């Protein structure tokens, strides 16, 4: 049986169409004019289907009209269709395979430059559905920004640092060359005394100004510093996308500036600034909106992807 039975001349049609399946009497099978195909259909489906319109070529009487005379030489009379209609010359096109879910919109807003977000993406999101940045994305961005801003600070304020610690360094080297270990130990223990002078305080001011200007410049233009761009994240208001306004960006830097100013003060006040800085860094780990303390002050959230141009979202 199998393929051989399908090719039996006694039961093989001579033209394409739907015919009784040689092996399944309750279904039809499509014959493409040469071989039986794998296309099948239930008999009741095909029988219930109305016959398609038949276009009769000029010069040939329509079906059912009595004809006189013999058919033209070389012409063959097609076999009668047992179901009263002619099947199309090609089998029905099978249904297209299911497509992957497509996102219904750009991430957060309809604007150019954003990346598609998977329909099944999970994790915390903003109120309008934009995925929030992960904690480690934020940490990586902070490290990169600290290095870049520190490089600028070193270029602009390096001379102040040398003036602050240069004499101390020379005293340590002189004591070491003289073999006076007691003096070396004393100088090392009293290094903090050398870091409270005018030159060092001036360096702290320069460092604070550089870091403040660095973040204000980038956050008010694109919502992302170079470190955030490198890690694929950006900053926006919690309720809408777009680069930050100047007043929001300033509020976002209040803790950073405050910690820098507290570092100039001795004793417990300096330690309080350090604790505040650590709390600010760790806060997104347990916050449901992944906000740091400075985000809560400014009403911002850090999200995945860039922000739209300011002109398209400004209100």
Protein backbone atom coordinates (compact mmCIF):
# COMPACT_ATOMS: atom_id res chain seq x y z
CA UNK A 1 0.00 0.00 0.00
CA UNK A 2 1.33 3.47 0.89
CA UNK A 3 2.89 5.36 -1.97
CA UNK A 4 2.44 2.51 -4.47
CA UNK A 5 -1.32 2.39 -3.95
CA UNK A 6 -1.58 6.09 -4.54
CA UNK A 7 0.12 5.71 -7.88
CA UNK A 8 -2.12 2.80 -9.01
CA UNK A 9 -3.36 3.83 -12.51
CA UNK A 10 -6.73 2.30 -11.76
CA UNK A 11 -7.42 4.84 -9.02
CA UNK A 12 -5.17 7.76 -9.95
CA UNK A 13 -6.97 10.82 -11.47
CA UNK A 14 -5.65 12.57 -14.55
CA UNK A 15 -6.12 16.18 -13.44
CA UNK A 16 -5.56 18.18 -10.21
CA UNK A 17 -8.34 18.21 -7.67
CA UNK A 18 -9.80 16.84 -4.46
CA UNK A 19 -10.76 13.16 -4.66
CA UNK A 20 -11.61 10.24 -2.40
CA UNK A 21 -8.61 9.33 -0.30
CA UNK A 22 -7.51 5.85 -1.50
CA UNK A 23 -7.02 4.78 2.12
CA UNK A 24 -9.49 6.91 4.13
CA UNK A 25 -13.05 6.82 2.85
CA UNK A 26 -14.20 9.55 5.23
CA UNK A 27 -11.85 12.20 3.86
CA UNK A 28 -10.61 13.77 0.65
CA UNK A 29 -7.02 14.00 -0.56
CA UNK A 30 -5.60 16.51 -3.02
CA UNK A 31 -4.09 15.24 -6.28
CA UNK A 32 -1.74 17.81 -7.89
CA UNK A 33 -1.91 16.30 -11.38
CA UNK A 34 1.13 14.06 -10.85
CA UNK A 35 1.04 12.52 -7.39
CA UNK A 36 -1.21 12.42 -4.35
CA UNK A 37 -0.19 15.11 -1.85
CA UNK A 38 -0.28 15.21 1.93
CA UNK A 39 -3.16 17.75 1.91
CA UNK A 40 -6.37 16.18 3.26
CA UNK A 41 -9.78 17.48 4.33
CA UNK A 42 -12.90 15.94 5.88
CA UNK A 43 -15.49 14.96 3.32
CA UNK A 44 -18.27 16.95 4.98
CA UNK A 45 -16.18 20.14 4.83
CA UNK A 46 -15.59 19.87 1.13
CA UNK A 47 -19.11 18.77 0.35
CA UNK A 48 -20.55 21.74 2.24
CA UNK A 49 -18.35 24.20 0.36
CA UNK A 50 -20.22 25.95 -2.47
CA UNK A 51 -18.71 25.46 -5.91
CA UNK A 52 -16.59 28.36 -7.13
CA UNK A 53 -17.64 30.44 -10.06
CA UNK A 54 -16.51 28.93 -13.35
CA UNK A 55 -15.37 31.26 -16.10
CA UNK A 56 -16.10 29.70 -19.47
CA UNK A 57 -13.56 30.57 -22.20
CA UNK A 58 -15.00 32.07 -25.40
CA UNK A 59 -16.20 29.47 -27.89
CA UNK A 60 -16.84 26.73 -25.31
CA UNK A 61 -20.45 26.16 -24.21
CA UNK A 62 -21.05 26.43 -20.47
CA UNK A 63 -21.32 23.30 -18.34
CA UNK A 64 -24.63 21.51 -18.85
CA UNK A 65 -25.18 22.84 -22.40
CA UNK A 66 -25.63 20.02 -24.91
CA UNK A 67 -22.76 19.82 -27.35
CA UNK A 68 -22.87 18.47 -30.85
CA UNK A 69 -20.08 16.88 -32.74
CA UNK A 70 -16.86 15.36 -31.56
CA UNK A 71 -14.38 17.29 -29.43
CA UNK A 72 -11.47 18.96 -31.20
CA UNK A 73 -8.64 16.71 -32.19
CA UNK A 74 -6.05 16.35 -29.40
CA UNK A 75 -8.42 17.67 -26.72
CA UNK A 76 -9.16 15.46 -23.76
CA UNK A 77 -12.35 15.56 -21.79
CA UNK A 78 -11.62 16.08 -18.08
CA UNK A 79 -13.15 13.45 -15.79
CA UNK A 80 -16.37 14.35 -14.12
CA UNK A 81 -15.93 15.87 -10.69
CA UNK A 82 -17.73 13.48 -8.32
CA UNK A 83 -18.52 16.36 -5.94
CA UNK A 84 -19.94 18.80 -8.45
CA UNK A 85 -17.18 21.40 -8.24
CA UNK A 86 -13.63 21.91 -9.33
CA UNK A 87 -10.93 22.30 -6.74
CA UNK A 88 -8.30 24.99 -7.22
CA UNK A 89 -5.12 23.96 -9.00
CA UNK A 90 -3.10 24.42 -5.82
CA UNK A 91 -3.97 23.27 -2.31
CA UNK A 92 -4.93 25.80 0.36
CA UNK A 93 -2.03 27.68 1.89
CA UNK A 94 -1.35 26.31 5.39
CA UNK A 95 -1.71 28.83 8.24
CA UNK A 96 1.32 30.90 9.10
CA UNK A 97 3.27 29.80 12.18
CA UNK A 98 2.58 31.81 15.33
CA UNK A 99 4.62 34.95 15.69
CA UNK A 100 6.46 36.12 18.74
CA UNK A 101 4.64 38.68 20.82
CA UNK A 102 5.48 42.20 19.68
CA UNK A 103 5.56 45.14 22.08
CA UNK A 104 2.63 47.48 21.69
CA UNK A 105 4.72 50.65 21.91
CA UNK A 106 8.17 52.06 22.40
CA UNK A 107 9.58 51.72 25.87
CA UNK A 108 7.57 54.17 27.93
CA UNK A 109 6.77 56.62 25.11
CA UNK A 110 6.42 56.80 21.32
CA UNK A 111 9.69 58.43 20.31
CA UNK A 112 12.80 57.73 18.30
CA UNK A 113 15.98 56.25 19.71
CA UNK A 114 14.46 53.90 22.27
CA UNK A 115 14.87 50.15 22.29
CA UNK A 116 12.07 47.62 22.01
CA UNK A 117 11.09 45.98 25.25
CA UNK A 118 10.05 42.28 25.28
CA UNK A 119 6.34 41.78 25.88
CA UNK A 120 7.09 39.32 28.67
CA UNK A 121 9.76 41.36 30.47
CA UNK A 122 9.49 41.18 34.24
CA UNK A 123 10.72 43.31 37.12
CA UNK A 124 9.86 46.69 38.66
CA UNK A 125 8.65 49.40 36.30
CA UNK A 126 7.68 53.04 36.37
CA UNK A 127 4.01 54.02 36.54
CA UNK A 128 3.89 54.14 32.72
CA UNK A 129 5.54 50.74 32.26
CA UNK A 130 9.24 51.50 31.68
CA UNK A 131 11.60 48.87 33.22
CA UNK A 132 13.77 50.20 36.04
CA UNK A 133 17.55 49.90 36.00
CA UNK A 134 19.06 47.11 38.05
CA UNK A 135 21.12 47.86 41.14
CA UNK A 136 24.35 46.70 39.50
CA UNK A 137 23.75 48.86 36.45
CA UNK A 138 23.58 51.82 38.81
CA UNK A 139 26.73 50.76 40.65
CA UNK A 140 28.65 50.34 37.40
CA UNK A 141 27.53 53.76 36.18
CA UNK A 142 28.50 55.39 39.50
CA UNK A 143 32.01 53.89 39.35
CA UNK A 144 32.56 55.12 35.79
CA UNK A 145 31.26 58.61 36.60
CA UNK A 146 33.40 58.83 39.73
CA UNK A 147 36.50 57.96 37.71
CA UNK A 148 35.72 60.49 34.98
CA UNK A 149 34.83 63.30 37.38
CA UNK A 150 37.87 62.41 39.50
CA UNK A 151 40.11 62.73 36.45
CA UNK A 152 38.76 66.23 35.78
CA UNK A 153 39.17 67.11 39.45
CA UNK A 154 42.75 65.86 39.42
CA UNK A 155 43.58 68.03 36.43
CA UNK A 156 42.01 71.14 37.93
CA UNK A 157 42.90 70.63 41.61
CA UNK A 158 45.97 68.43 41.62
CA UNK A 159 48.22 71.35 42.47
CA UNK A 160 46.15 72.04 45.61
CA UNK A 161 46.57 68.45 46.77
CA UNK A 162 50.29 68.63 46.32
CA UNK A 163 50.48 71.86 48.28
CA UNK A 164 48.48 70.20 51.07
CA UNK A 165 50.45 66.97 51.39
CA UNK A 166 53.75 67.86 49.72
CA UNK A 167 55.52 69.08 52.91
CA UNK A 168 54.24 66.05 54.82
CA UNK A 169 55.56 63.71 52.13
CA UNK A 170 59.00 65.35 52.19
CA UNK A 171 59.15 65.03 55.99
CA UNK A 172 58.31 61.34 55.76
CA UNK A 173 60.99 60.73 53.13
CA UNK A 174 63.63 62.62 55.13
CA UNK A 175 62.82 60.63 58.30
CA UNK A 176 62.91 57.36 56.38
CA UNK A 177 66.31 58.12 54.85
CA UNK A 178 67.65 59.02 58.31
CA UNK A 179 66.33 55.74 59.70
CA UNK A 180 64.09 57.52 62.19
CA UNK A 181 61.17 55.06 62.27
CA UNK A 182 59.56 56.78 65.26
CA UNK A 183 59.24 60.02 63.32
CA UNK A 184 57.86 58.17 60.31
CA UNK A 185 55.21 56.49 62.46
CA UNK A 186 54.28 59.80 64.04
CA UNK A 187 53.91 61.53 60.67
CA UNK A 188 51.75 58.73 59.29
CA UNK A 189 49.46 58.82 62.32
CA UNK A 190 49.11 62.60 62.06
CA UNK A 191 48.34 62.69 58.32
CA UNK A 192 44.77 63.80 59.05
CA UNK A 193 46.15 66.98 60.63
CA UNK A 194 47.75 67.89 57.31
CA UNK A 195 44.42 67.33 55.48
CA UNK A 196 42.58 70.11 57.28
CA UNK A 197 44.61 73.03 55.98
CA UNK A 198 43.57 75.70 53.54
CA UNK A 199 44.94 73.94 50.45
CA UNK A 200 43.10 70.72 51.16
CA UNK A 201 39.83 72.53 51.88
CA UNK A 202 40.24 74.37 48.59
CA UNK A 203 40.69 71.03 46.84
CA UNK A 204 37.47 69.70 48.43
CA UNK A 205 35.61 72.76 47.12
CA UNK A 206 37.01 72.20 43.61
CA UNK A 207 36.07 68.51 43.75
CA UNK A 208 32.53 69.34 44.87
CA UNK A 209 32.04 71.93 42.13
CA UNK A 210 33.39 69.59 39.44
CA UNK A 211 31.16 66.68 40.47
CA UNK A 212 28.13 68.97 40.71
CA UNK A 213 28.74 70.56 37.31
CA UNK A 214 29.45 67.14 35.76
CA UNK A 215 26.07 65.70 36.79
CA UNK A 216 24.05 68.87 36.13
CA UNK A 217 25.46 69.23 32.63
CA UNK A 218 24.60 65.72 31.46
CA UNK A 219 21.37 65.12 33.37
CA UNK A 220 19.75 68.33 32.11
CA UNK A 221 20.65 67.54 28.49
CA UNK A 222 20.10 63.83 27.99
CA UNK A 223 19.13 62.43 31.37
CA UNK A 224 22.27 60.31 31.42
CA UNK A 225 25.88 60.87 32.41
CA UNK A 226 28.62 59.10 30.40
CA UNK A 227 28.67 56.30 32.99
CA UNK A 228 24.90 55.80 32.69
CA UNK A 229 25.06 55.84 28.90
CA UNK A 230 27.77 53.18 29.02
CA UNK A 231 25.56 50.92 31.16
CA UNK A 232 22.37 51.61 29.18
CA UNK A 233 20.40 53.53 31.81
CA UNK A 234 19.12 57.07 32.35
CA UNK A 235 17.36 59.30 34.91
CA UNK A 236 13.84 60.72 34.57
CA UNK A 237 11.02 62.01 36.71
CA UNK A 238 8.92 59.22 38.21
CA UNK A 239 5.73 60.41 36.49
CA UNK A 240 7.02 61.16 32.98
CA UNK A 241 10.05 60.67 30.72
CA UNK A 242 12.54 63.29 29.58
CA UNK A 243 15.78 64.92 30.67
CA UNK A 244 15.71 66.60 34.08
CA UNK A 245 15.15 70.28 34.64
CA UNK A 246 17.87 72.22 36.43
CA UNK A 247 16.02 72.45 39.75
CA UNK A 248 15.32 68.68 39.80
CA UNK A 249 18.95 67.91 38.94
CA UNK A 250 20.10 70.22 41.76
CA UNK A 251 17.82 68.51 44.30
CA UNK A 252 19.21 65.17 43.18
CA UNK A 253 22.75 66.30 44.12
CA UNK A 254 21.92 67.66 47.59
CA UNK A 255 23.14 64.55 49.44
CA UNK A 256 26.37 64.38 47.42
CA UNK A 257 27.14 68.05 48.10
CA UNK A 258 26.19 67.70 51.77
CA UNK A 259 28.50 64.71 52.24
CA UNK A 260 31.37 66.65 50.63
CA UNK A 261 30.84 69.59 52.96
CA UNK A 262 30.62 67.33 56.02
CA UNK A 263 33.93 65.75 55.05
CA UNK A 264 35.61 69.08 55.79
CA UNK A 265 34.54 68.91 59.42
CA UNK A 266 36.41 66.81 61.98
CA UNK A 267 35.20 64.13 64.36
CA UNK A 268 31.72 62.67 64.55
CA UNK A 269 30.23 65.07 62.00
CA UNK A 270 32.55 63.67 59.35
CA UNK A 271 31.48 60.14 60.28
CA UNK A 272 27.82 61.14 59.98
CA UNK A 273 28.44 62.17 56.39
CA UNK A 274 30.02 58.80 55.66
CA UNK A 275 27.04 56.94 57.09
CA UNK A 276 24.65 59.06 55.04
CA UNK A 277 26.63 58.30 51.89
CA UNK A 278 26.57 54.54 52.56
CA UNK A 279 22.82 54.59 53.23
CA UNK A 280 22.21 56.47 50.00
CA UNK A 281 24.18 53.91 47.99
CA UNK A 282 22.48 50.86 49.53
CA UNK A 283 18.89 52.15 49.64
CA UNK A 284 17.83 50.89 46.16
CA UNK A 285 18.51 47.31 47.28
CA UNK A 286 15.32 47.17 49.36
CA UNK A 287 13.28 50.05 47.98
CA UNK A 288 10.30 48.76 45.90
CA UNK A 289 10.79 51.58 43.38
CA UNK A 290 14.59 51.13 43.36
CA UNK A 291 15.10 54.72 44.44
CA UNK A 292 18.12 55.94 46.34
CA UNK A 293 17.69 58.66 48.94
CA UNK A 294 18.69 61.32 46.43
CA UNK A 295 16.03 59.96 44.02
CA UNK A 296 13.35 60.35 46.69
CA UNK A 297 14.41 63.94 47.34
CA UNK A 298 14.22 64.81 43.62
CA UNK A 299 11.27 62.55 42.69
CA UNK A 300 13.32 60.68 40.06
CA UNK A 301 13.78 57.08 38.98
CA UNK A 302 16.60 55.39 37.07
CA UNK A 303 15.33 53.40 34.09
CA UNK A 304 16.71 51.24 31.31
CA UNK A 305 17.34 52.95 27.98
CA UNK A 306 17.81 56.61 27.02
CA UNK A 307 15.41 59.50 27.41
CA UNK A 308 13.58 61.25 24.55
CA UNK A 309 14.75 64.67 23.39
CA UNK A 310 13.76 67.35 25.87
CA UNK A 311 11.72 69.30 23.30
CA UNK A 312 9.29 66.38 22.87
CA UNK A 313 8.47 65.89 26.53
CA UNK A 314 8.91 69.28 28.13
CA UNK A 315 5.75 70.64 29.72
